[in-house]
Amino acid sequence: MKNAKVFYWIFTILIAALMLFSAIPNILVTDQAVQFLSTHLGFPKYFIFFIGLAKLLGVIVILIPGFPRLKEWAYAGLSYDLIGAIWSSRSVGDPIGGTMFIVVALIVLLLSYYFYHKKNQVRA
């Protein structure tokens, strides 16, 4: 089914872009990243670079072909990141509207994962 492959790439590129754009400020440890993650959410400053690097590696793994087991780990890690972001945001009292973008990103990630398996079923 060609549709599965098309939808897989649409959702995968979308989530890769979203995660990459959130990883870059963390990797560079920008003032905005420190303000949000450290000051607002209360994470230690050393965590900022680590989470950015983890997101970047996850994006690379889901984009490169092959490595099915590593891909499963990358999807899991990106899911934990987004679920943790929702949890952290709600824990500090951010309004639910502020977390909706993260929920949408999580849905896009889950759709990418679903179509990843769907396209592999078709291939097998």
PDB file of N, CA and C in Angstrom:
ATOM      1  N   MET A   1       0.847  -1.186   0.000  1.00  0.00           N
ATOM      2  CA  MET A   1       0.000   0.000   0.000  1.00  0.00           C
ATOM      3  C   MET A   1       0.888   1.243   0.000  1.00  0.00           C
ATOM      4  N   LYS A   2       0.812   1.973  -1.098  1.00  0.00           N
ATOM      5  CA  LYS A   2       1.645   3.161  -1.273  1.00  0.00           C
ATOM      6  C   LYS A   2       1.251   4.276  -0.297  1.00  0.00           C
ATOM      7  N   ASN A   3      -0.028   4.321   0.073  1.00  0.00           N
ATOM      8  CA  ASN A   3      -0.491   5.363   0.992  1.00  0.00           C
ATOM      9  C   ASN A   3       0.224   5.303   2.331  1.00  0.00           C
ATOM     10  N   ALA A   4       0.494   4.109   2.822  1.00  0.00           N
ATOM     11  CA  ALA A   4       1.170   3.962   4.115  1.00  0.00           C
ATOM     12  C   ALA A   4       2.555   4.610   4.066  1.00  0.00           C
ATOM     13  N   LYS A   5       3.256   4.411   2.976  1.00  0.00           N
ATOM     14  CA  LYS A   5       4.598   4.983   2.841  1.00  0.00           C
ATOM     15  C   LYS A   5       4.531   6.510   2.754  1.00  0.00           C
ATOM     16  N   VAL A   6       3.563   7.023   2.023  1.00  0.00           N
ATOM     17  CA  VAL A   6       3.404   8.477   1.889  1.00  0.00           C
ATOM     18  C   VAL A   6       3.057   9.098   3.239  1.00  0.00           C
ATOM     19  N   PHE A   7       2.079   8.508   3.940  1.00  0.00           N
ATOM     20  CA  PHE A   7       1.695   9.039   5.250  1.00  0.00           C
ATOM     21  C   PHE A   7       2.838   8.913   6.253  1.00  0.00           C
ATOM     22  N   TYR A   8       3.583   7.814   6.177  1.00  0.00           N
ATOM     23  CA  TYR A   8       4.739   7.642   7.058  1.00  0.00           C
ATOM     24  C   TYR A   8       5.706   8.804   6.884  1.00  0.00           C
ATOM     25  N   TRP A   9       6.048   9.126   5.643  1.00  0.00           N
ATOM     26  CA  TRP A   9       7.019  10.193   5.421  1.00  0.00           C
ATOM     27  C   TRP A   9       6.464  11.559   5.778  1.00  0.00           C
ATOM     28  N   ILE A  10       5.198  11.785   5.565  1.00  0.00           N
ATOM     29  CA  ILE A  10       4.596  13.077   5.941  1.00  0.00           C
ATOM     30  C   ILE A  10       4.704  13.280   7.447  1.00  0.00           C
ATOM     31  N   PHE A  11       4.226  12.287   8.212  1.00  0.00           N
ATOM     32  CA  PHE A  11       4.242  12.426   9.668  1.00  0.00           C
ATOM     33  C   PHE A  11       5.650  12.390  10.236  1.00  0.00           C
ATOM     34  N   THR A  12       6.525  11.608   9.629  1.00  0.00           N
ATOM     35  CA  THR A  12       7.897  11.511  10.120  1.00  0.00           C
ATOM     36  C   THR A  12       8.652  12.815   9.895  1.00  0.00           C
ATOM     37  N   ILE A  13       8.483  13.422   8.740  1.00  0.00           N
ATOM     38  CA  ILE A  13       9.146  14.707   8.477  1.00  0.00           C
ATOM     39  C   ILE A  13       8.585  15.795   9.387  1.00  0.00           C
ATOM     40  N   LEU A  14       7.280  15.772   9.613  1.00  0.00           N
ATOM     41  CA  LEU A  14       6.682  16.757  10.523  1.00  0.00           C
ATOM     42  C   LEU A  14       7.242  16.634  11.932  1.00  0.00           C
ATOM     43  N   ILE A  15       7.271  15.409  12.469  1.00  0.00           N
ATOM     44  CA  ILE A  15       7.754  15.250  13.848  1.00  0.00           C
ATOM     45  C   ILE A  15       9.256  15.499  13.918  1.00  0.00           C
ATOM     46  N   ALA A  16       9.978  15.121  12.872  1.00  0.00           N
ATOM     47  CA  ALA A  16      11.422  15.376  12.861  1.00  0.00           C
ATOM     48  C   ALA A  16      11.691  16.885  12.905  1.00  0.00           C
ATOM     49  N   ALA A  17      10.936  17.641  12.130  1.00  0.00           N
ATOM     50  CA  ALA A  17      11.109  19.100  12.126  1.00  0.00           C
ATOM     51  C   ALA A  17      10.754  19.691  13.491  1.00  0.00           C
ATOM     52  N   LEU A  18       9.639  19.264  14.061  1.00  0.00           N
ATOM     53  CA  LEU A  18       9.233  19.783  15.371  1.00  0.00           C
ATOM     54  C   LEU A  18      10.283  19.482  16.440  1.00  0.00           C
ATOM     55  N   MET A  19      10.763  18.258  16.457  1.00  0.00           N
ATOM     56  CA  MET A  19      11.739  17.871  17.475  1.00  0.00           C
ATOM     57  C   MET A  19      13.090  18.541  17.226  1.00  0.00           C
ATOM     58  N   LEU A  20      13.469  18.685  15.969  1.00  0.00           N
ATOM     59  CA  LEU A  20      14.729  19.343  15.646  1.00  0.00           C
ATOM     60  C   LEU A  20      14.702  20.816  16.057  1.00  0.00           C
ATOM     61  N   PHE A  21      13.579  21.484  15.773  1.00  0.00           N
ATOM     62  CA  PHE A  21      13.476  22.899  16.135  1.00  0.00           C
ATOM     63  C   PHE A  21      13.445  23.100  17.650  1.00  0.00           C
ATOM     64  N   SER A  22      13.010  22.086  18.391  1.00  0.00           N
ATOM     65  CA  SER A  22      13.070  22.216  19.849  1.00  0.00           C
ATOM     66  C   SER A  22      14.421  21.764  20.395  1.00  0.00           C
ATOM     67  N   ALA A  23      15.151  20.949  19.635  1.00  0.00           N
ATOM     68  CA  ALA A  23      16.458  20.454  20.101  1.00  0.00           C
ATOM     69  C   ALA A  23      17.560  21.495  19.935  1.00  0.00           C
ATOM     70  N   ILE A  24      17.515  22.262  18.866  1.00  0.00           N
ATOM     71  CA  ILE A  24      18.600  23.200  18.562  1.00  0.00           C
ATOM     72  C   ILE A  24      18.833  24.220  19.683  1.00  0.00           C
ATOM     73  N   PRO A  25      17.790  24.892  20.194  1.00  0.00           N
ATOM     74  CA  PRO A  25      18.048  25.833  21.300  1.00  0.00           C
ATOM     75  C   PRO A  25      18.610  25.134  22.544  1.00  0.00           C
ATOM     76  N   ASN A  26      18.189  23.885  22.761  1.00  0.00           N
ATOM     77  CA  ASN A  26      18.701  23.142  23.914  1.00  0.00           C
ATOM     78  C   ASN A  26      20.179  22.808  23.734  1.00  0.00           C
ATOM     79  N   ILE A  27      20.547  22.350  22.544  1.00  0.00           N
ATOM     80  CA  ILE A  27      21.945  22.008  22.280  1.00  0.00           C
ATOM     81  C   ILE A  27      22.836  23.240  22.402  1.00  0.00           C
ATOM     82  N   LEU A  28      22.343  24.361  21.929  1.00  0.00           N
ATOM     83  CA  LEU A  28      23.100  25.615  22.006  1.00  0.00           C
ATOM     84  C   LEU A  28      22.993  26.284  23.376  1.00  0.00           C
ATOM     85  N   VAL A  29      22.136  25.735  24.236  1.00  0.00           N
ATOM     86  CA  VAL A  29      21.864  26.259  25.575  1.00  0.00           C
ATOM     87  C   VAL A  29      21.615  27.772  25.502  1.00  0.00           C
ATOM     88  N   THR A  30      20.635  28.130  24.683  1.00  0.00           N
ATOM     89  CA  THR A  30      20.288  29.538  24.517  1.00  0.00           C
ATOM     90  C   THR A  30      19.634  30.084  25.785  1.00  0.00           C
ATOM     91  N   ASP A  31      19.606  31.400  25.884  1.00  0.00           N
ATOM     92  CA  ASP A  31      18.965  32.043  27.032  1.00  0.00           C
ATOM     93  C   ASP A  31      17.499  31.633  27.136  1.00  0.00           C
ATOM     94  N   GLN A  32      16.834  31.518  25.982  1.00  0.00           N
ATOM     95  CA  GLN A  32      15.422  31.125  25.962  1.00  0.00           C
ATOM     96  C   GLN A  32      15.245  29.706  26.510  1.00  0.00           C
ATOM     97  N   ALA A  33      16.136  28.791  26.148  1.00  0.00           N
ATOM     98  CA  ALA A  33      16.053  27.416  26.639  1.00  0.00           C
ATOM     99  C   ALA A  33      16.300  27.377  28.149  1.00  0.00           C
ATOM    100  N   VAL A  34      17.277  28.134  28.617  1.00  0.00           N
ATOM    101  CA  VAL A  34      17.561  28.184  30.054  1.00  0.00           C
ATOM    102  C   VAL A  34      16.378  28.778  30.798  1.00  0.00           C
ATOM    103  N   GLN A  35      15.827  29.870  30.268  1.00  0.00           N
ATOM    104  CA  GLN A  35      14.677  30.519  30.899  1.00  0.00           C
ATOM    105  C   GLN A  35      13.514  29.552  31.028  1.00  0.00           C
ATOM    106  N   PHE A  36      13.211  28.831  29.945  1.00  0.00           N
ATOM    107  CA  PHE A  36      12.041  27.949  29.966  1.00  0.00           C
ATOM    108  C   PHE A  36      12.293  26.687  30.783  1.00  0.00           C
ATOM    109  N   LEU A  37      13.358  25.955  30.462  1.00  0.00           N
ATOM    110  CA  LEU A  37      13.579  24.661  31.105  1.00  0.00           C
ATOM    111  C   LEU A  37      14.081  24.780  32.538  1.00  0.00           C
ATOM    112  N   SER A  38      14.984  25.705  32.780  1.00  0.00           N
ATOM    113  CA  SER A  38      15.575  25.804  34.105  1.00  0.00           C
ATOM    114  C   SER A  38      14.752  26.696  35.033  1.00  0.00           C
ATOM    115  N   THR A  39      14.500  27.902  34.594  1.00  0.00           N
ATOM    116  CA  THR A  39      13.794  28.847  35.453  1.00  0.00           C
ATOM    117  C   THR A  39      12.322  28.495  35.592  1.00  0.00           C
ATOM    118  N   HIS A  40      11.639  28.284  34.454  1.00  0.00           N
ATOM    119  CA  HIS A  40      10.190  28.046  34.489  1.00  0.00           C
ATOM    120  C   HIS A  40       9.839  26.636  34.963  1.00  0.00           C
ATOM    121  N   LEU A  41      10.468  25.619  34.361  1.00  0.00           N
ATOM    122  CA  LEU A  41      10.105  24.238  34.687  1.00  0.00           C
ATOM    123  C   LEU A  41      10.917  23.666  35.844  1.00  0.00           C
ATOM    124  N   GLY A  42      12.067  24.261  36.147  1.00  0.00           N
ATOM    125  CA  GLY A  42      12.843  23.837  37.295  1.00  0.00           C
ATOM    126  C   GLY A  42      13.866  22.739  37.039  1.00  0.00           C
ATOM    127  N   PHE A  43      14.161  22.459  35.773  1.00  0.00           N
ATOM    128  CA  PHE A  43      15.180  21.449  35.469  1.00  0.00           C
ATOM    129  C   PHE A  43      16.566  22.038  35.685  1.00  0.00           C
ATOM    130  N   PRO A  44      17.528  21.212  36.081  1.00  0.00           N
ATOM    131  CA  PRO A  44      18.900  21.732  36.238  1.00  0.00           C
ATOM    132  C   PRO A  44      19.483  22.131  34.882  1.00  0.00           C
ATOM    133  N   LYS A  45      20.382  23.081  34.887  1.00  0.00           N
ATOM    134  CA  LYS A  45      20.941  23.591  33.627  1.00  0.00           C
ATOM    135  C   LYS A  45      21.690  22.525  32.843  1.00  0.00           C
ATOM    136  N   TYR A  46      22.333  21.584  33.535  1.00  0.00           N
ATOM    137  CA  TYR A  46      23.073  20.544  32.810  1.00  0.00           C
ATOM    138  C   TYR A  46      22.147  19.624  32.012  1.00  0.00           C
ATOM    139  N   PHE A  47      20.875  19.606  32.338  1.00  0.00           N
ATOM    140  CA  PHE A  47      19.901  18.763  31.642  1.00  0.00           C
ATOM    141  C   PHE A  47      19.567  19.307  30.254  1.00  0.00           C
ATOM    142  N   ILE A  48      19.718  20.600  30.070  1.00  0.00           N
ATOM    143  CA  ILE A  48      19.283  21.252  28.829  1.00  0.00           C
ATOM    144  C   ILE A  48      20.032  20.705  27.622  1.00  0.00           C
ATOM    145  N   PHE A  49      21.362  20.674  27.683  1.00  0.00           N
ATOM    146  CA  PHE A  49      22.137  20.144  26.560  1.00  0.00           C
ATOM    147  C   PHE A  49      21.838  18.666  26.335  1.00  0.00           C
ATOM    148  N   PHE A  50      21.746  17.904  27.413  1.00  0.00           N
ATOM    149  CA  PHE A  50      21.488  16.464  27.317  1.00  0.00           C
ATOM    150  C   PHE A  50      20.178  16.174  26.587  1.00  0.00           C
ATOM    151  N   ILE A  51      19.110  16.843  26.956  1.00  0.00           N
ATOM    152  CA  ILE A  51      17.803  16.563  26.343  1.00  0.00           C
ATOM    153  C   ILE A  51      17.804  17.010  24.880  1.00  0.00           C
ATOM    154  N   GLY A  52      18.503  18.084  24.578  1.00  0.00           N
ATOM    155  CA  GLY A  52      18.621  18.521  23.186  1.00  0.00           C
ATOM    156  C   GLY A  52      19.380  17.519  22.341  1.00  0.00           C
ATOM    157  N   LEU A  53      20.462  16.998  22.857  1.00  0.00           N
ATOM    158  CA  LEU A  53      21.248  15.997  22.141  1.00  0.00           C
ATOM    159  C   LEU A  53      20.444  14.707  21.961  1.00  0.00           C
ATOM    160  N   ALA A  54      19.707  14.302  22.984  1.00  0.00           N
ATOM    161  CA  ALA A  54      18.873  13.098  22.887  1.00  0.00           C
ATOM    162  C   ALA A  54      17.805  13.259  21.805  1.00  0.00           C
ATOM    163  N   LYS A  55      17.185  14.438  21.732  1.00  0.00           N
ATOM    164  CA  LYS A  55      16.189  14.699  20.686  1.00  0.00           C
ATOM    165  C   LYS A  55      16.829  14.637  19.301  1.00  0.00           C
ATOM    166  N   LEU A  56      17.995  15.254  19.160  1.00  0.00           N
ATOM    167  CA  LEU A  56      18.686  15.254  17.870  1.00  0.00           C
ATOM    168  C   LEU A  56      19.010  13.830  17.427  1.00  0.00           C
ATOM    169  N   LEU A  57      19.535  13.024  18.327  1.00  0.00           N
ATOM    170  CA  LEU A  57      19.854  11.639  17.986  1.00  0.00           C
ATOM    171  C   LEU A  57      18.593  10.852  17.628  1.00  0.00           C
ATOM    172  N   GLY A  58      17.503  11.094  18.346  1.00  0.00           N
ATOM    173  CA  GLY A  58      16.228  10.441  18.030  1.00  0.00           C
ATOM    174  C   GLY A  58      15.735  10.811  16.644  1.00  0.00           C
ATOM    175  N   VAL A  59      15.857  12.072  16.287  1.00  0.00           N
ATOM    176  CA  VAL A  59      15.442  12.535  14.956  1.00  0.00           C
ATOM    177  C   VAL A  59      16.287  11.859  13.872  1.00  0.00           C
ATOM    178  N   ILE A  60      17.586  11.802  14.091  1.00  0.00           N
ATOM    179  CA  ILE A  60      18.469  11.165  13.101  1.00  0.00           C
ATOM    180  C   ILE A  60      18.073   9.711  12.901  1.00  0.00           C
ATOM    181  N   VAL A  61      17.839   9.007  13.996  1.00  0.00           N
ATOM    182  CA  VAL A  61      17.519   7.582  13.901  1.00  0.00           C
ATOM    183  C   VAL A  61      16.193   7.338  13.189  1.00  0.00           C
ATOM    184  N   ILE A  62      15.173   8.152  13.459  1.00  0.00           N
ATOM    185  CA  ILE A  62      13.898   7.881  12.778  1.00  0.00           C
ATOM    186  C   ILE A  62      13.944   8.262  11.301  1.00  0.00           C
ATOM    187  N   LEU A  63      14.898   9.098  10.917  1.00  0.00           N
ATOM    188  CA  LEU A  63      14.981   9.492   9.512  1.00  0.00           C
ATOM    189  C   LEU A  63      15.832   8.547   8.653  1.00  0.00           C
ATOM    190  N   ILE A  64      16.818   7.902   9.247  1.00  0.00           N
ATOM    191  CA  ILE A  64      17.680   7.040   8.433  1.00  0.00           C
ATOM    192  C   ILE A  64      17.015   5.677   8.236  1.00  0.00           C
ATOM    193  N   PRO A  65      17.195   5.090   7.068  1.00  0.00           N
ATOM    194  CA  PRO A  65      16.588   3.783   6.818  1.00  0.00           C
ATOM    195  C   PRO A  65      17.311   2.672   7.584  1.00  0.00           C
ATOM    196  N   GLY A  66      16.579   1.611   7.838  1.00  0.00           N
ATOM    197  CA  GLY A  66      17.156   0.465   8.535  1.00  0.00           C
ATOM    198  C   GLY A  66      17.128   0.643  10.041  1.00  0.00           C
ATOM    199  N   PHE A  67      17.899  -0.179  10.734  1.00  0.00           N
ATOM    200  CA  PHE A  67      18.038  -0.144  12.186  1.00  0.00           C
ATOM    201  C   PHE A  67      16.691  -0.205  12.921  1.00  0.00           C
ATOM    202  N   PRO A  68      15.878  -1.240  12.661  1.00  0.00           N
ATOM    203  CA  PRO A  68      14.535  -1.287  13.241  1.00  0.00           C
ATOM    204  C   PRO A  68      14.504  -1.266  14.777  1.00  0.00           C
ATOM    205  N   ARG A  69      15.428  -1.958  15.421  1.00  0.00           N
ATOM    206  CA  ARG A  69      15.415  -1.953  16.897  1.00  0.00           C
ATOM    207  C   ARG A  69      15.785  -0.581  17.441  1.00  0.00           C
ATOM    208  N   LEU A  70      16.769   0.041  16.844  1.00  0.00           N
ATOM    209  CA  LEU A  70      17.171   1.377  17.269  1.00  0.00           C
ATOM    210  C   LEU A  70      16.040   2.380  17.028  1.00  0.00           C
ATOM    211  N   LYS A  71      15.325   2.194  15.939  1.00  0.00           N
ATOM    212  CA  LYS A  71      14.191   3.053  15.618  1.00  0.00           C
ATOM    213  C   LYS A  71      13.104   2.942  16.697  1.00  0.00           C
ATOM    214  N   GLU A  72      12.860   1.735  17.179  1.00  0.00           N
ATOM    215  CA  GLU A  72      11.876   1.542  18.257  1.00  0.00           C
ATOM    216  C   GLU A  72      12.294   2.332  19.502  1.00  0.00           C
ATOM    217  N   TRP A  73      13.584   2.269  19.830  1.00  0.00           N
ATOM    218  CA  TRP A  73      14.091   3.012  20.978  1.00  0.00           C
ATOM    219  C   TRP A  73      13.957   4.524  20.764  1.00  0.00           C
ATOM    220  N   ALA A  74      14.210   4.967  19.548  1.00  0.00           N
ATOM    221  CA  ALA A  74      14.102   6.397  19.256  1.00  0.00           C
ATOM    222  C   ALA A  74      12.658   6.874  19.401  1.00  0.00           C
ATOM    223  N   TYR A  75      11.726   6.094  18.861  1.00  0.00           N
ATOM    224  CA  TYR A  75      10.310   6.456  19.020  1.00  0.00           C
ATOM    225  C   TYR A  75       9.931   6.487  20.496  1.00  0.00           C
ATOM    226  N   ALA A  76      10.407   5.508  21.260  1.00  0.00           N
ATOM    227  CA  ALA A  76      10.106   5.483  22.701  1.00  0.00           C
ATOM    228  C   ALA A  76      10.678   6.718  23.387  1.00  0.00           C
ATOM    229  N   GLY A  77      11.929   7.039  23.084  1.00  0.00           N
ATOM    230  CA  GLY A  77      12.568   8.191  23.711  1.00  0.00           C
ATOM    231  C   GLY A  77      11.875   9.500  23.385  1.00  0.00           C
ATOM    232  N   LEU A  78      11.505   9.679  22.124  1.00  0.00           N
ATOM    233  CA  LEU A  78      10.800  10.906  21.741  1.00  0.00           C
ATOM    234  C   LEU A  78       9.421  10.960  22.393  1.00  0.00           C
ATOM    235  N   SER A  79       8.783   9.800  22.545  1.00  0.00           N
ATOM    236  CA  SER A  79       7.491   9.753  23.244  1.00  0.00           C
ATOM    237  C   SER A  79       7.655  10.159  24.698  1.00  0.00           C
ATOM    238  N   TYR A  80       8.682   9.617  25.363  1.00  0.00           N
ATOM    239  CA  TYR A  80       8.933   9.985  26.758  1.00  0.00           C
ATOM    240  C   TYR A  80       9.203  11.475  26.889  1.00  0.00           C
ATOM    241  N   ASP A  81       9.935  12.031  25.932  1.00  0.00           N
ATOM    242  CA  ASP A  81      10.222  13.459  25.965  1.00  0.00           C
ATOM    243  C   ASP A  81       8.931  14.277  25.901  1.00  0.00           C
ATOM    244  N   LEU A  82       8.065  13.922  24.972  1.00  0.00           N
ATOM    245  CA  LEU A  82       6.820  14.687  24.817  1.00  0.00           C
ATOM    246  C   LEU A  82       5.867  14.483  25.988  1.00  0.00           C
ATOM    247  N   ILE A  83       5.763  13.254  26.474  1.00  0.00           N
ATOM    248  CA  ILE A  83       4.912  12.995  27.643  1.00  0.00           C
ATOM    249  C   ILE A  83       5.470  13.736  28.854  1.00  0.00           C
ATOM    250  N   GLY A  84       6.789  13.710  29.007  1.00  0.00           N
ATOM    251  CA  GLY A  84       7.423  14.449  30.102  1.00  0.00           C
ATOM    252  C   GLY A  84       7.210  15.946  29.985  1.00  0.00           C
ATOM    253  N   ALA A  85       7.201  16.454  28.764  1.00  0.00           N
ATOM    254  CA  ALA A  85       6.958  17.886  28.549  1.00  0.00           C
ATOM    255  C   ALA A  85       5.527  18.254  28.955  1.00  0.00           C
ATOM    256  N   ILE A  86       4.576  17.403  28.607  1.00  0.00           N
ATOM    257  CA  ILE A  86       3.182  17.645  29.011  1.00  0.00           C
ATOM    258  C   ILE A  86       3.084  17.616  30.533  1.00  0.00           C
ATOM    259  N   TRP A  87       3.669  16.588  31.138  1.00  0.00           N
ATOM    260  CA  TRP A  87       3.619  16.434  32.594  1.00  0.00           C
ATOM    261  C   TRP A  87       4.279  17.630  33.291  1.00  0.00           C
ATOM    262  N   SER A  88       5.448  18.020  32.825  1.00  0.00           N
ATOM    263  CA  SER A  88       6.166  19.132  33.448  1.00  0.00           C
ATOM    264  C   SER A  88       5.387  20.428  33.331  1.00  0.00           C
ATOM    265  N   SER A  89       4.836  20.665  32.166  1.00  0.00           N
ATOM    266  CA  SER A  89       4.079  21.881  31.932  1.00  0.00           C
ATOM    267  C   SER A  89       2.852  21.957  32.843  1.00  0.00           C
ATOM    268  N   ARG A  90       2.159  20.863  32.955  1.00  0.00           N
ATOM    269  CA  ARG A  90       0.968  20.835  33.815  1.00  0.00           C
ATOM    270  C   ARG A  90       1.361  20.928  35.292  1.00  0.00           C
ATOM    271  N   SER A  91       2.516  20.369  35.653  1.00  0.00           N
ATOM    272  CA  SER A  91       2.955  20.367  37.057  1.00  0.00           C
ATOM    273  C   SER A  91       3.282  21.759  37.570  1.00  0.00           C
ATOM    274  N   VAL A  92       3.723  22.641  36.693  1.00  0.00           N
ATOM    275  CA  VAL A  92       4.034  24.004  37.134  1.00  0.00           C
ATOM    276  C   VAL A  92       2.843  24.940  36.971  1.00  0.00           C
ATOM    277  N   GLY A  93       1.702  24.381  36.573  1.00  0.00           N
ATOM    278  CA  GLY A  93       0.481  25.173  36.497  1.00  0.00           C
ATOM    279  C   GLY A  93       0.246  25.883  35.190  1.00  0.00           C
ATOM    280  N   ASP A  94       0.961  25.509  34.148  1.00  0.00           N
ATOM    281  CA  ASP A  94       0.696  26.109  32.838  1.00  0.00           C
ATOM    282  C   ASP A  94      -0.726  25.765  32.412  1.00  0.00           C
ATOM    283  N   PRO A  95      -1.393  26.685  31.718  1.00  0.00           N
ATOM    284  CA  PRO A  95      -2.759  26.400  31.273  1.00  0.00           C
ATOM    285  C   PRO A  95      -2.778  25.241  30.273  1.00  0.00           C
ATOM    286  N   ILE A  96      -3.876  24.528  30.247  1.00  0.00           N
ATOM    287  CA  ILE A  96      -3.990  23.356  29.374  1.00  0.00           C
ATOM    288  C   ILE A  96      -3.833  23.744  27.906  1.00  0.00           C
ATOM    289  N   GLY A  97      -4.233  24.946  27.549  1.00  0.00           N
ATOM    290  CA  GLY A  97      -4.053  25.417  26.172  1.00  0.00           C
ATOM    291  C   GLY A  97      -2.590  25.473  25.771  1.00  0.00           C
ATOM    292  N   GLY A  98      -1.722  25.731  26.736  1.00  0.00           N
ATOM    293  CA  GLY A  98      -0.287  25.783  26.454  1.00  0.00           C
ATOM    294  C   GLY A  98       0.315  24.429  26.157  1.00  0.00           C
ATOM    295  N   THR A  99      -0.338  23.380  26.601  1.00  0.00           N
ATOM    296  CA  THR A  99       0.183  22.034  26.357  1.00  0.00           C
ATOM    297  C   THR A  99      -0.417  21.392  25.107  1.00  0.00           C
ATOM    298  N   MET A 100      -1.380  22.044  24.503  1.00  0.00           N
ATOM    299  CA  MET A 100      -2.043  21.438  23.334  1.00  0.00           C
ATOM    300  C   MET A 100      -1.088  21.238  22.164  1.00  0.00           C
ATOM    301  N   PHE A 101      -0.135  22.138  21.990  1.00  0.00           N
ATOM    302  CA  PHE A 101       0.841  21.974  20.912  1.00  0.00           C
ATOM    303  C   PHE A 101       1.667  20.713  21.130  1.00  0.00           C
ATOM    304  N   ILE A 102       2.010  20.450  22.395  1.00  0.00           N
ATOM    305  CA  ILE A 102       2.787  19.247  22.710  1.00  0.00           C
ATOM    306  C   ILE A 102       1.934  18.000  22.474  1.00  0.00           C
ATOM    307  N   VAL A 103       0.663  18.073  22.808  1.00  0.00           N
ATOM    308  CA  VAL A 103      -0.249  16.941  22.564  1.00  0.00           C
ATOM    309  C   VAL A 103      -0.345  16.665  21.067  1.00  0.00           C
ATOM    310  N   VAL A 104      -0.447  17.717  20.271  1.00  0.00           N
ATOM    311  CA  VAL A 104      -0.493  17.551  18.815  1.00  0.00           C
ATOM    312  C   VAL A 104       0.805  16.912  18.320  1.00  0.00           C
ATOM    313  N   ALA A 105       1.946  17.350  18.839  1.00  0.00           N
ATOM    314  CA  ALA A 105       3.230  16.757  18.452  1.00  0.00           C
ATOM    315  C   ALA A 105       3.270  15.279  18.827  1.00  0.00           C
ATOM    316  N   LEU A 106       2.735  14.928  19.985  1.00  0.00           N
ATOM    317  CA  LEU A 106       2.691  13.523  20.400  1.00  0.00           C
ATOM    318  C   LEU A 106       1.812  12.707  19.452  1.00  0.00           C
ATOM    319  N   ILE A 107       0.700  13.264  19.036  1.00  0.00           N
ATOM    320  CA  ILE A 107      -0.183  12.577  18.084  1.00  0.00           C
ATOM    321  C   ILE A 107       0.532  12.374  16.751  1.00  0.00           C
ATOM    322  N   VAL A 108       1.238  13.387  16.283  1.00  0.00           N
ATOM    323  CA  VAL A 108       1.997  13.265  15.030  1.00  0.00           C
ATOM    324  C   VAL A 108       3.065  12.174  15.173  1.00  0.00           C
ATOM    325  N   LEU A 109       3.744  12.125  16.316  1.00  0.00           N
ATOM    326  CA  LEU A 109       4.743  11.078  16.555  1.00  0.00           C
ATOM    327  C   LEU A 109       4.097   9.695  16.531  1.00  0.00           C
ATOM    328  N   LEU A 110       2.961   9.552  17.174  1.00  0.00           N
ATOM    329  CA  LEU A 110       2.268   8.264  17.194  1.00  0.00           C
ATOM    330  C   LEU A 110       1.801   7.865  15.795  1.00  0.00           C
ATOM    331  N   LEU A 111       1.373   8.817  14.998  1.00  0.00           N
ATOM    332  CA  LEU A 111       0.983   8.517  13.615  1.00  0.00           C
ATOM    333  C   LEU A 111       2.193   8.093  12.784  1.00  0.00           C
ATOM    334  N   SER A 112       3.325   8.741  13.001  1.00  0.00           N
ATOM    335  CA  SER A 112       4.552   8.332  12.312  1.00  0.00           C
ATOM    336  C   SER A 112       4.904   6.896  12.678  1.00  0.00           C
ATOM    337  N   TYR A 113       4.815   6.577  13.941  1.00  0.00           N
ATOM    338  CA  TYR A 113       5.120   5.228  14.420  1.00  0.00           C
ATOM    339  C   TYR A 113       4.137   4.207  13.837  1.00  0.00           C
ATOM    340  N   TYR A 114       2.871   4.556  13.837  1.00  0.00           N
ATOM    341  CA  TYR A 114       1.840   3.663  13.281  1.00  0.00           C
ATOM    342  C   TYR A 114       2.115   3.368  11.811  1.00  0.00           C
ATOM    343  N   PHE A 115       2.383   4.411  11.035  1.00  0.00           N
ATOM    344  CA  PHE A 115       2.617   4.212   9.603  1.00  0.00           C
ATOM    345  C   PHE A 115       3.981   3.595   9.316  1.00  0.00           C
ATOM    346  N   TYR A 116       4.929   3.731  10.235  1.00  0.00           N
ATOM    347  CA  TYR A 116       6.202   3.021  10.111  1.00  0.00           C
ATOM    348  C   TYR A 116       5.946   1.512  10.107  1.00  0.00           C
ATOM    349  N   HIS A 117       5.125   1.064  11.041  1.00  0.00           N
ATOM    350  CA  HIS A 117       4.803  -0.360  11.099  1.00  0.00           C
ATOM    351  C   HIS A 117       3.884  -0.778   9.957  1.00  0.00           C
ATOM    352  N   LYS A 118       2.987   0.087   9.572  1.00  0.00           N
ATOM    353  CA  LYS A 118       2.057  -0.212   8.477  1.00  0.00           C
ATOM    354  C   LYS A 118       2.847  -0.404   7.165  1.00  0.00           C
ATOM    355  N   LYS A 119       3.795   0.461   6.883  1.00  0.00           N
ATOM    356  CA  LYS A 119       4.566   0.334   5.641  1.00  0.00           C
ATOM    357  C   LYS A 119       5.469  -0.897   5.674  1.00  0.00           C
ATOM    358  N   ASN A 120       5.943  -1.265   6.855  1.00  0.00           N
ATOM    359  CA  ASN A 120       6.765  -2.473   6.966  1.00  0.00           C
ATOM    360  C   ASN A 120       5.932  -3.731   6.815  1.00  0.00           C
ATOM    361  N   GLN A 121       4.664  -3.705   7.212  1.00  0.00           N
ATOM    362  CA  GLN A 121       3.764  -4.842   7.001  1.00  0.00           C
ATOM    363  C   GLN A 121       3.522  -5.056   5.514  1.00  0.00           C
ATOM    364  N   VAL A 122       3.334  -3.973   4.810  1.00  0.00           N
ATOM    365  CA  VAL A 122       3.081  -4.049   3.372  1.00  0.00           C
ATOM    366  C   VAL A 122       4.303  -4.635   2.666  1.00  0.00           C
ATOM    367  N   ARG A 123       5.488  -4.208   3.101  1.00  0.00           N
ATOM    368  CA  ARG A 123       6.721  -4.680   2.486  1.00  0.00           C
ATOM    369  C   ARG A 123       6.919  -6.177   2.734  1.00  0.00           C
ATOM    370  N   ALA A 124       6.529  -6.641   3.914  1.00  0.00           N
ATOM    371  CA  ALA A 124       6.717  -8.067   4.251  1.00  0.00           C
ATOM    372  C   ALA A 124       5.672  -8.909   3.604  1.00  0.00           C
TER     373      ALA A 124
END
